Amino acid sequence: MVSLWEEHLFWLEILQDHAYFVRDHLSVSEVEYVQTAEQFIQLFDDLLKQLNRLSPAISHSNPASIEFSRKVWPVVKGYFDFEGALQALRIENAVNLNLSPTYLNGTLSENQEYLRILSYLIKGSEPVPLSLIELMDLWLEDQLGHAVLFKNLLDPIEIMVSNRADLYIGKYQAFIVQNHHLKGYLRFKEPGFARQTEFALEVGKTTLEMSQFIYAMTMKYRENKLLNKETLRFLIHHFPETCYFIKKLSHYAPQFQQEASQCSLRREFYLKMH
């Protein structure tokens, strides 16, 4: 279960990370875009400070919750438009940004989900949860992206680690194809049939397994035992997103409720891990 307060915390920290990644992967020659990314980093920081002044038990119908959500909306929508504009430029090779258009597809999809949630919260309504198919659509792409990005950040000498990442890339590519066909079956089947439930279990187990692998590699990174080209923030970004996915997935696959209750959505938790 993810509380309303935790929803805001999770998404604001995730989008702030996305702004850091855009800033860090822009050429210093792209002065205007670097400055815009830094402005969003600060705006998300200001919103996180305001969130910390709200009660963690706040409900969607509370006037303070509605007011906060209305403050959040233009910042989140503004950042969505900023990344979208960069993606359009990147497709035409018109911006010096060391991130691919498909990478930005993933971050834009996540931003869009927060906008969907906010569209309810600004009205004081409880957000409608994603169906299992919709949940998979969003987070399978994310997990595949994490595996691909992890492989791409490795130094060429890290052959064995790269091969392990390839295994997860293959699994998530297969999951995306399977979810596409499961969606088709729902034309004549009610959600929650046995094969779809089994699919949720397969995805959850693989997601937890890959997270343990990336955790072990992150420990190597912190001990300077893994040659790579990325930052600790980039690696750690994987863990709150995985936790969020497992928490949401546990609604459909209760077998993961223990793991869901034990993981943290807080970025700070993973920055301190050792």
C-alpha atoms as a PDB file:
ATOM      1  CA  MET A   1       0.000   0.000   0.000  1.00  0.00           C
ATOM      2  CA  VAL A   2       1.306   3.440  -0.953  1.00  0.00           C
ATOM      3  CA  SER A   3      -0.131   6.369   1.007  1.00  0.00           C
ATOM      4  CA  LEU A   4      -0.984   9.669  -0.665  1.00  0.00           C
ATOM      5  CA  TRP A   5       1.978  11.355   1.035  1.00  0.00           C
ATOM      6  CA  GLU A   6       4.287   8.583  -0.192  1.00  0.00           C
ATOM      7  CA  GLU A   7       2.936   8.954  -3.741  1.00  0.00           C
ATOM      8  CA  HIS A   8       4.016  12.584  -3.766  1.00  0.00           C
ATOM      9  CA  LEU A   9       7.381  11.810  -2.166  1.00  0.00           C
ATOM     10  CA  PHE A  10       8.120   9.049  -4.638  1.00  0.00           C
ATOM     11  CA  TRP A  11       7.181  10.947  -7.771  1.00  0.00           C
ATOM     12  CA  LEU A  12       8.799  14.241  -6.791  1.00  0.00           C
ATOM     13  CA  GLU A  13      12.102  12.523  -5.986  1.00  0.00           C
ATOM     14  CA  ILE A  14      11.929  10.460  -9.189  1.00  0.00           C
ATOM     15  CA  LEU A  15      11.266  13.507 -11.369  1.00  0.00           C
ATOM     16  CA  GLN A  16      13.991  15.450  -9.604  1.00  0.00           C
ATOM     17  CA  ASP A  17      16.377  12.605 -10.414  1.00  0.00           C
ATOM     18  CA  HIS A  18      15.253  12.776 -14.048  1.00  0.00           C
ATOM     19  CA  ALA A  19      16.096  16.489 -14.071  1.00  0.00           C
ATOM     20  CA  TYR A  20      19.548  15.713 -12.608  1.00  0.00           C
ATOM     21  CA  PHE A  21      20.124  13.105 -15.330  1.00  0.00           C
ATOM     22  CA  VAL A  22      19.155  15.536 -18.098  1.00  0.00           C
ATOM     23  CA  ARG A  23      21.446  18.187 -16.644  1.00  0.00           C
ATOM     24  CA  ASP A  24      24.331  15.742 -16.236  1.00  0.00           C
ATOM     25  CA  HIS A  25      23.973  14.387 -19.787  1.00  0.00           C
ATOM     26  CA  LEU A  26      23.708  17.757 -21.540  1.00  0.00           C
ATOM     27  CA  SER A  27      26.793  19.335 -23.059  1.00  0.00           C
ATOM     28  CA  VAL A  28      27.984  22.447 -21.202  1.00  0.00           C
ATOM     29  CA  SER A  29      27.450  24.234 -24.533  1.00  0.00           C
ATOM     30  CA  GLU A  30      23.667  23.773 -24.082  1.00  0.00           C
ATOM     31  CA  VAL A  31      23.572  26.613 -21.549  1.00  0.00           C
ATOM     32  CA  GLU A  32      19.844  27.348 -21.781  1.00  0.00           C
ATOM     33  CA  TYR A  33      18.765  23.717 -21.315  1.00  0.00           C
ATOM     34  CA  VAL A  34      21.244  23.159 -18.478  1.00  0.00           C
ATOM     35  CA  GLN A  35      19.836  26.191 -16.683  1.00  0.00           C
ATOM     36  CA  THR A  36      16.255  24.992 -17.230  1.00  0.00           C
ATOM     37  CA  ALA A  37      17.103  21.538 -15.834  1.00  0.00           C
ATOM     38  CA  GLU A  38      18.691  23.179 -12.777  1.00  0.00           C
ATOM     39  CA  GLN A  39      15.591  25.326 -12.287  1.00  0.00           C
ATOM     40  CA  PHE A  40      13.433  22.196 -12.232  1.00  0.00           C
ATOM     41  CA  ILE A  41      15.804  20.507  -9.769  1.00  0.00           C
ATOM     42  CA  GLN A  42      15.249  23.469  -7.441  1.00  0.00           C
ATOM     43  CA  LEU A  43      11.479  23.547  -8.022  1.00  0.00           C
ATOM     44  CA  PHE A  44      11.190  19.854  -7.128  1.00  0.00           C
ATOM     45  CA  ASP A  45      13.349  20.487  -4.063  1.00  0.00           C
ATOM     46  CA  ASP A  46      11.014  23.303  -2.950  1.00  0.00           C
ATOM     47  CA  LEU A  47       7.978  21.031  -3.386  1.00  0.00           C
ATOM     48  CA  LEU A  48       9.645  18.254  -1.369  1.00  0.00           C
ATOM     49  CA  LYS A  49      10.247  20.735   1.463  1.00  0.00           C
ATOM     50  CA  GLN A  50       6.572  21.753   1.353  1.00  0.00           C
ATOM     51  CA  LEU A  51       5.538  18.093   1.362  1.00  0.00           C
ATOM     52  CA  ASN A  52       7.575  17.504   4.514  1.00  0.00           C
ATOM     53  CA  ARG A  53       5.407  20.101   6.260  1.00  0.00           C
ATOM     54  CA  LEU A  54       2.265  18.070   5.526  1.00  0.00           C
ATOM     55  CA  SER A  55       1.060  15.194   7.699  1.00  0.00           C
ATOM     56  CA  PRO A  56       2.084  11.746   6.366  1.00  0.00           C
ATOM     57  CA  ALA A  57      -1.519  10.688   7.114  1.00  0.00           C
ATOM     58  CA  ILE A  58      -3.054  13.372   4.877  1.00  0.00           C
ATOM     59  CA  SER A  59      -6.026  12.256   2.754  1.00  0.00           C
ATOM     60  CA  HIS A  60      -6.936  13.154  -0.829  1.00  0.00           C
ATOM     61  CA  SER A  61      -9.982  15.158   0.313  1.00  0.00           C
ATOM     62  CA  ASN A  62      -8.036  17.323   2.790  1.00  0.00           C
ATOM     63  CA  PRO A  63      -7.949  20.988   1.613  1.00  0.00           C
ATOM     64  CA  ALA A  64      -4.180  21.119   2.278  1.00  0.00           C
ATOM     65  CA  SER A  65      -3.729  18.080   0.035  1.00  0.00           C
ATOM     66  CA  ILE A  66      -5.735  19.676  -2.779  1.00  0.00           C
ATOM     67  CA  GLU A  67      -3.797  22.949  -2.457  1.00  0.00           C
ATOM     68  CA  PHE A  68      -0.458  21.117  -2.537  1.00  0.00           C
ATOM     69  CA  SER A  69      -1.471  19.042  -5.569  1.00  0.00           C
ATOM     70  CA  ARG A  70      -2.455  22.235  -7.381  1.00  0.00           C
ATOM     71  CA  LYS A  71       1.004  23.657  -6.693  1.00  0.00           C
ATOM     72  CA  VAL A  72       2.643  20.473  -7.937  1.00  0.00           C
ATOM     73  CA  TRP A  73       0.678  20.223 -11.211  1.00  0.00           C
ATOM     74  CA  PRO A  74       2.273  23.134 -13.176  1.00  0.00           C
ATOM     75  CA  VAL A  75       5.795  22.064 -12.187  1.00  0.00           C
ATOM     76  CA  VAL A  76       5.236  18.434 -13.194  1.00  0.00           C
ATOM     77  CA  LYS A  77       3.482  19.471 -16.431  1.00  0.00           C
ATOM     78  CA  GLY A  78       6.242  22.003 -17.146  1.00  0.00           C
ATOM     79  CA  TYR A  79       8.912  19.364 -16.726  1.00  0.00           C
ATOM     80  CA  PHE A  80       6.948  16.971 -18.952  1.00  0.00           C
ATOM     81  CA  ASP A  81       6.898  19.621 -21.695  1.00  0.00           C
ATOM     82  CA  PHE A  82      10.620  20.346 -21.215  1.00  0.00           C
ATOM     83  CA  GLU A  83      11.643  16.699 -21.583  1.00  0.00           C
ATOM     84  CA  GLY A  84       9.255  16.301 -24.518  1.00  0.00           C
ATOM     85  CA  ALA A  85      10.850  19.260 -26.306  1.00  0.00           C
ATOM     86  CA  LEU A  86      14.319  17.779 -25.693  1.00  0.00           C
ATOM     87  CA  GLN A  87      13.153  14.419 -27.050  1.00  0.00           C
ATOM     88  CA  ALA A  88      11.892  16.057 -30.268  1.00  0.00           C
ATOM     89  CA  LEU A  89      15.256  17.805 -30.666  1.00  0.00           C
ATOM     90  CA  ARG A  90      17.206  14.621 -29.875  1.00  0.00           C
ATOM     91  CA  ILE A  91      15.315  12.705 -32.581  1.00  0.00           C
ATOM     92  CA  GLU A  92      16.545  15.302 -35.104  1.00  0.00           C
ATOM     93  CA  ASN A  93      20.075  15.385 -33.578  1.00  0.00           C
ATOM     94  CA  ALA A  94      19.461  19.055 -32.841  1.00  0.00           C
ATOM     95  CA  VAL A  95      20.610  19.027 -29.208  1.00  0.00           C
ATOM     96  CA  ASN A  96      23.860  17.850 -27.620  1.00  0.00           C
ATOM     97  CA  LEU A  97      22.266  15.476 -25.096  1.00  0.00           C
ATOM     98  CA  ASN A  98      23.820  12.103 -24.302  1.00  0.00           C
ATOM     99  CA  LEU A  99      20.440  10.443 -23.716  1.00  0.00           C
ATOM    100  CA  SER A 100      18.440   8.590 -26.362  1.00  0.00           C
ATOM    101  CA  PRO A 101      14.861   9.352 -27.495  1.00  0.00           C
ATOM    102  CA  THR A 102      13.740   5.960 -26.157  1.00  0.00           C
ATOM    103  CA  TYR A 103      15.266   6.683 -22.737  1.00  0.00           C
ATOM    104  CA  LEU A 104      13.132   9.840 -22.690  1.00  0.00           C
ATOM    105  CA  ASN A 105      10.063   7.794 -23.680  1.00  0.00           C
ATOM    106  CA  GLY A 106      10.437   5.965 -20.373  1.00  0.00           C
ATOM    107  CA  THR A 107      10.853   9.071 -18.228  1.00  0.00           C
ATOM    108  CA  LEU A 108       7.982  10.811 -20.019  1.00  0.00           C
ATOM    109  CA  SER A 109       5.700   7.802 -19.405  1.00  0.00           C
ATOM    110  CA  GLU A 110       6.478   7.969 -15.691  1.00  0.00           C
ATOM    111  CA  ASN A 111       5.879  11.718 -15.626  1.00  0.00           C
ATOM    112  CA  GLN A 112       2.562  11.121 -17.401  1.00  0.00           C
ATOM    113  CA  GLU A 113       1.489   8.662 -14.700  1.00  0.00           C
ATOM    114  CA  TYR A 114       2.078  11.285 -11.990  1.00  0.00           C
ATOM    115  CA  LEU A 115       0.054  13.769 -14.047  1.00  0.00           C
ATOM    116  CA  ARG A 116      -2.741  11.172 -14.237  1.00  0.00           C
ATOM    117  CA  ILE A 117      -2.682  10.778 -10.448  1.00  0.00           C
ATOM    118  CA  LEU A 118      -2.575  14.546  -9.943  1.00  0.00           C
ATOM    119  CA  SER A 119      -5.602  14.993 -12.221  1.00  0.00           C
ATOM    120  CA  TYR A 120      -7.632  13.286  -9.477  1.00  0.00           C
ATOM    121  CA  LEU A 121      -5.862  14.882  -6.511  1.00  0.00           C
ATOM    122  CA  ILE A 122      -6.359  18.479  -7.674  1.00  0.00           C
ATOM    123  CA  LYS A 123     -10.112  17.767  -7.532  1.00  0.00           C
ATOM    124  CA  GLY A 124      -9.917  16.113  -4.108  1.00  0.00           C
ATOM    125  CA  SER A 125     -10.721  12.710  -5.613  1.00  0.00           C
ATOM    126  CA  GLU A 126      -9.053   9.395  -4.895  1.00  0.00           C
ATOM    127  CA  PRO A 127      -6.933   8.304  -7.898  1.00  0.00           C
ATOM    128  CA  VAL A 128      -8.152   5.245  -9.792  1.00  0.00           C
ATOM    129  CA  PRO A 129      -5.359   2.623  -9.638  1.00  0.00           C
ATOM    130  CA  LEU A 130      -3.831   1.226 -12.814  1.00  0.00           C
ATOM    131  CA  SER A 131      -5.109  -2.161 -13.918  1.00  0.00           C
ATOM    132  CA  LEU A 132      -2.574  -5.000 -13.888  1.00  0.00           C
ATOM    133  CA  ILE A 133      -2.139  -4.681 -17.675  1.00  0.00           C
ATOM    134  CA  GLU A 134      -1.567  -0.909 -17.390  1.00  0.00           C
ATOM    135  CA  LEU A 135       0.804  -1.378 -14.454  1.00  0.00           C
ATOM    136  CA  MET A 136       2.854  -3.823 -16.516  1.00  0.00           C
ATOM    137  CA  ASP A 137       2.818  -1.503 -19.540  1.00  0.00           C
ATOM    138  CA  LEU A 138       4.479   1.220 -17.476  1.00  0.00           C
ATOM    139  CA  TRP A 139       6.908  -0.679 -15.287  1.00  0.00           C
ATOM    140  CA  LEU A 140       8.066  -3.482 -17.605  1.00  0.00           C
ATOM    141  CA  GLU A 141       9.373  -0.785 -19.943  1.00  0.00           C
ATOM    142  CA  ASP A 142      11.041   0.839 -16.944  1.00  0.00           C
ATOM    143  CA  GLN A 143      12.703  -2.376 -15.749  1.00  0.00           C
ATOM    144  CA  LEU A 144      13.897  -3.196 -19.276  1.00  0.00           C
ATOM    145  CA  GLY A 145      15.288   0.324 -19.485  1.00  0.00           C
ATOM    146  CA  HIS A 146      17.157  -0.144 -16.214  1.00  0.00           C
ATOM    147  CA  ALA A 147      18.755  -3.368 -17.470  1.00  0.00           C
ATOM    148  CA  VAL A 148      19.772  -1.749 -20.772  1.00  0.00           C
ATOM    149  CA  LEU A 149      21.101   1.391 -19.085  1.00  0.00           C
ATOM    150  CA  PHE A 150      23.017  -0.678 -16.545  1.00  0.00           C
ATOM    151  CA  LYS A 151      24.676  -2.675 -19.326  1.00  0.00           C
ATOM    152  CA  ASN A 152      25.499   0.497 -21.246  1.00  0.00           C
ATOM    153  CA  LEU A 153      27.161   2.172 -18.282  1.00  0.00           C
ATOM    154  CA  LEU A 154      29.629  -0.680 -17.795  1.00  0.00           C
ATOM    155  CA  ASP A 155      33.249  -0.483 -18.872  1.00  0.00           C
ATOM    156  CA  PRO A 156      33.955  -3.009 -21.693  1.00  0.00           C
ATOM    157  CA  ILE A 157      36.211  -4.972 -19.324  1.00  0.00           C
ATOM    158  CA  GLU A 158      33.166  -5.967 -17.208  1.00  0.00           C
ATOM    159  CA  ILE A 159      32.208  -8.821 -19.548  1.00  0.00           C
ATOM    160  CA  MET A 160      30.654 -11.198 -16.997  1.00  0.00           C
ATOM    161  CA  VAL A 161      28.503  -8.477 -15.447  1.00  0.00           C
ATOM    162  CA  SER A 162      27.420  -7.366 -18.917  1.00  0.00           C
ATOM    163  CA  ASN A 163      26.405 -10.924 -19.806  1.00  0.00           C
ATOM    164  CA  ARG A 164      24.283 -11.123 -16.646  1.00  0.00           C
ATOM    165  CA  ALA A 165      22.555  -7.875 -17.615  1.00  0.00           C
ATOM    166  CA  ASP A 166      21.829  -9.365 -21.048  1.00  0.00           C
ATOM    167  CA  LEU A 167      19.857 -12.170 -19.388  1.00  0.00           C
ATOM    168  CA  TYR A 168      17.542  -9.648 -17.730  1.00  0.00           C
ATOM    169  CA  ILE A 169      17.206  -7.643 -20.931  1.00  0.00           C
ATOM    170  CA  GLY A 170      15.989 -10.812 -22.680  1.00  0.00           C
ATOM    171  CA  LYS A 171      13.526 -11.622 -19.890  1.00  0.00           C
ATOM    172  CA  TYR A 172      11.934  -8.178 -19.866  1.00  0.00           C
ATOM    173  CA  GLN A 173      11.690  -8.088 -23.645  1.00  0.00           C
ATOM    174  CA  ALA A 174       9.792 -11.392 -23.420  1.00  0.00           C
ATOM    175  CA  PHE A 175       7.562 -10.033 -20.627  1.00  0.00           C
ATOM    176  CA  ILE A 176       6.602  -7.006 -22.739  1.00  0.00           C
ATOM    177  CA  VAL A 177       5.550  -9.284 -25.611  1.00  0.00           C
ATOM    178  CA  GLN A 178       3.597 -11.511 -23.213  1.00  0.00           C
ATOM    179  CA  ASN A 179       1.803  -8.550 -21.634  1.00  0.00           C
ATOM    180  CA  HIS A 180       0.810  -7.312 -25.088  1.00  0.00           C
ATOM    181  CA  HIS A 181      -0.912 -10.618 -25.823  1.00  0.00           C
ATOM    182  CA  LEU A 182      -2.452 -10.890 -22.365  1.00  0.00           C
ATOM    183  CA  LYS A 183      -4.058  -7.508 -23.072  1.00  0.00           C
ATOM    184  CA  GLY A 184      -5.576  -9.013 -26.226  1.00  0.00           C
ATOM    185  CA  TYR A 185      -7.013 -11.947 -24.289  1.00  0.00           C
ATOM    186  CA  LEU A 186      -8.995  -9.493 -22.156  1.00  0.00           C
ATOM    187  CA  ARG A 187     -11.293  -8.868 -25.107  1.00  0.00           C
ATOM    188  CA  PHE A 188     -13.092 -12.064 -24.094  1.00  0.00           C
ATOM    189  CA  LYS A 189     -11.640 -12.924 -20.663  1.00  0.00           C
ATOM    190  CA  GLU A 190     -12.135 -11.214 -17.318  1.00  0.00           C
ATOM    191  CA  PRO A 191      -8.909  -9.896 -15.722  1.00  0.00           C
ATOM    192  CA  GLY A 192      -7.229 -12.134 -13.173  1.00  0.00           C
ATOM    193  CA  PHE A 193      -7.404 -15.437 -15.047  1.00  0.00           C
ATOM    194  CA  ALA A 194      -4.827 -18.050 -14.038  1.00  0.00           C
ATOM    195  CA  ARG A 195      -2.206 -17.336 -16.718  1.00  0.00           C
ATOM    196  CA  GLN A 196      -2.278 -13.598 -16.035  1.00  0.00           C
ATOM    197  CA  THR A 197      -1.838 -14.252 -12.316  1.00  0.00           C
ATOM    198  CA  GLU A 198       1.085 -16.563 -13.057  1.00  0.00           C
ATOM    199  CA  PHE A 199       2.566 -13.849 -15.275  1.00  0.00           C
ATOM    200  CA  ALA A 200       2.407 -11.365 -12.388  1.00  0.00           C
ATOM    201  CA  LEU A 201       4.318 -13.834 -10.214  1.00  0.00           C
ATOM    202  CA  GLU A 202       6.974 -14.408 -12.892  1.00  0.00           C
ATOM    203  CA  VAL A 203       7.481 -10.674 -13.344  1.00  0.00           C
ATOM    204  CA  GLY A 204       7.633  -9.995  -9.604  1.00  0.00           C
ATOM    205  CA  LYS A 205      10.211 -12.731  -8.973  1.00  0.00           C
ATOM    206  CA  THR A 206      12.415 -11.546 -11.841  1.00  0.00           C
ATOM    207  CA  THR A 207      12.140  -7.921 -10.703  1.00  0.00           C
ATOM    208  CA  LEU A 208      13.253  -8.781  -7.166  1.00  0.00           C
ATOM    209  CA  GLU A 209      16.048 -10.968  -8.533  1.00  0.00           C
ATOM    210  CA  MET A 210      17.375  -8.231 -10.821  1.00  0.00           C
ATOM    211  CA  SER A 211      17.162  -5.701  -8.015  1.00  0.00           C
ATOM    212  CA  GLN A 212      19.378  -7.946  -5.857  1.00  0.00           C
ATOM    213  CA  PHE A 213      21.854  -8.160  -8.739  1.00  0.00           C
ATOM    214  CA  ILE A 214      21.940  -4.367  -9.201  1.00  0.00           C
ATOM    215  CA  TYR A 215      22.250  -3.950  -5.426  1.00  0.00           C
ATOM    216  CA  ALA A 216      25.336  -6.201  -5.412  1.00  0.00           C
ATOM    217  CA  MET A 217      26.800  -4.223  -8.325  1.00  0.00           C
ATOM    218  CA  THR A 218      26.037  -0.937  -6.562  1.00  0.00           C
ATOM    219  CA  MET A 219      28.020  -2.174  -3.565  1.00  0.00           C
ATOM    220  CA  LYS A 220      30.907  -2.935  -5.914  1.00  0.00           C
ATOM    221  CA  TYR A 221      30.555   0.572  -7.343  1.00  0.00           C
ATOM    222  CA  ARG A 222      30.779   2.121  -3.875  1.00  0.00           C
ATOM    223  CA  GLU A 223      33.934   0.115  -3.204  1.00  0.00           C
ATOM    224  CA  ASN A 224      35.444   1.157  -6.580  1.00  0.00           C
ATOM    225  CA  LYS A 225      35.371  -2.468  -7.737  1.00  0.00           C
ATOM    226  CA  LEU A 226      33.172  -1.935 -10.811  1.00  0.00           C
ATOM    227  CA  LEU A 227      34.485   0.023 -13.782  1.00  0.00           C
ATOM    228  CA  ASN A 228      31.783   2.181 -15.329  1.00  0.00           C
ATOM    229  CA  LYS A 229      30.848   5.642 -16.589  1.00  0.00           C
ATOM    230  CA  GLU A 230      27.929   6.644 -14.362  1.00  0.00           C
ATOM    231  CA  THR A 231      27.033   8.252 -11.021  1.00  0.00           C
ATOM    232  CA  LEU A 232      25.789   6.723  -7.788  1.00  0.00           C
ATOM    233  CA  ARG A 233      22.527   8.666  -8.162  1.00  0.00           C
ATOM    234  CA  PHE A 234      21.949   7.001 -11.546  1.00  0.00           C
ATOM    235  CA  LEU A 235      22.418   3.526 -10.060  1.00  0.00           C
ATOM    236  CA  ILE A 236      20.348   4.143  -6.945  1.00  0.00           C
ATOM    237  CA  HIS A 237      17.432   5.502  -8.990  1.00  0.00           C
ATOM    238  CA  HIS A 238      16.570   1.865  -9.748  1.00  0.00           C
ATOM    239  CA  PHE A 239      15.627   0.956  -6.184  1.00  0.00           C
ATOM    240  CA  PRO A 240      12.749   3.335  -5.282  1.00  0.00           C
ATOM    241  CA  GLU A 241      11.153   2.632  -8.686  1.00  0.00           C
ATOM    242  CA  THR A 242      11.432  -1.114  -8.171  1.00  0.00           C
ATOM    243  CA  CYS A 243       9.978  -0.781  -4.667  1.00  0.00           C
ATOM    244  CA  TYR A 244       7.045   1.241  -6.020  1.00  0.00           C
ATOM    245  CA  PHE A 245       6.393  -1.359  -8.727  1.00  0.00           C
ATOM    246  CA  ILE A 246       6.456  -4.220  -6.209  1.00  0.00           C
ATOM    247  CA  LYS A 247       4.140  -2.348  -3.840  1.00  0.00           C
ATOM    248  CA  LYS A 248       1.628  -1.769  -6.642  1.00  0.00           C
ATOM    249  CA  LEU A 249       2.071  -5.302  -8.001  1.00  0.00           C
ATOM    250  CA  SER A 250       1.407  -6.819  -4.566  1.00  0.00           C
ATOM    251  CA  HIS A 251      -2.218  -5.678  -4.896  1.00  0.00           C
ATOM    252  CA  TYR A 252      -2.584  -8.209  -7.732  1.00  0.00           C
ATOM    253  CA  ALA A 253      -0.023 -10.720  -6.432  1.00  0.00           C
ATOM    254  CA  PRO A 254      -0.326 -10.811  -2.616  1.00  0.00           C
ATOM    255  CA  GLN A 255       2.656 -13.187  -2.493  1.00  0.00           C
ATOM    256  CA  PHE A 256       4.862 -10.053  -2.663  1.00  0.00           C
ATOM    257  CA  GLN A 257       3.270  -8.220   0.262  1.00  0.00           C
ATOM    258  CA  GLN A 258       6.209  -8.981   2.566  1.00  0.00           C
ATOM    259  CA  GLU A 259       8.758  -7.607   0.099  1.00  0.00           C
ATOM    260  CA  ALA A 260       6.472  -4.633  -0.549  1.00  0.00           C
ATOM    261  CA  SER A 261       6.262  -3.816   3.163  1.00  0.00           C
ATOM    262  CA  GLN A 262      10.035  -4.062   3.657  1.00  0.00           C
ATOM    263  CA  CYS A 263      11.330  -1.918   0.780  1.00  0.00           C
ATOM    264  CA  SER A 264      11.616   1.876   0.865  1.00  0.00           C
ATOM    265  CA  LEU A 265      10.416   4.520  -1.568  1.00  0.00           C
ATOM    266  CA  ARG A 266      12.845   7.067  -0.124  1.00  0.00           C
ATOM    267  CA  ARG A 267      15.915   7.942  -2.153  1.00  0.00           C
ATOM    268  CA  GLU A 268      17.811   8.861   1.015  1.00  0.00           C
ATOM    269  CA  PHE A 269      17.458   5.289   2.307  1.00  0.00           C
ATOM    270  CA  TYR A 270      19.478   3.928  -0.637  1.00  0.00           C
ATOM    271  CA  LEU A 271      22.066   6.706  -0.551  1.00  0.00           C
ATOM    272  CA  LYS A 272      22.923   5.554   2.980  1.00  0.00           C
ATOM    273  CA  MET A 273      22.907   1.815   2.286  1.00  0.00           C
ATOM    274  CA  HIS A 274      26.097  -0.142   2.822  1.00  0.00           C
END
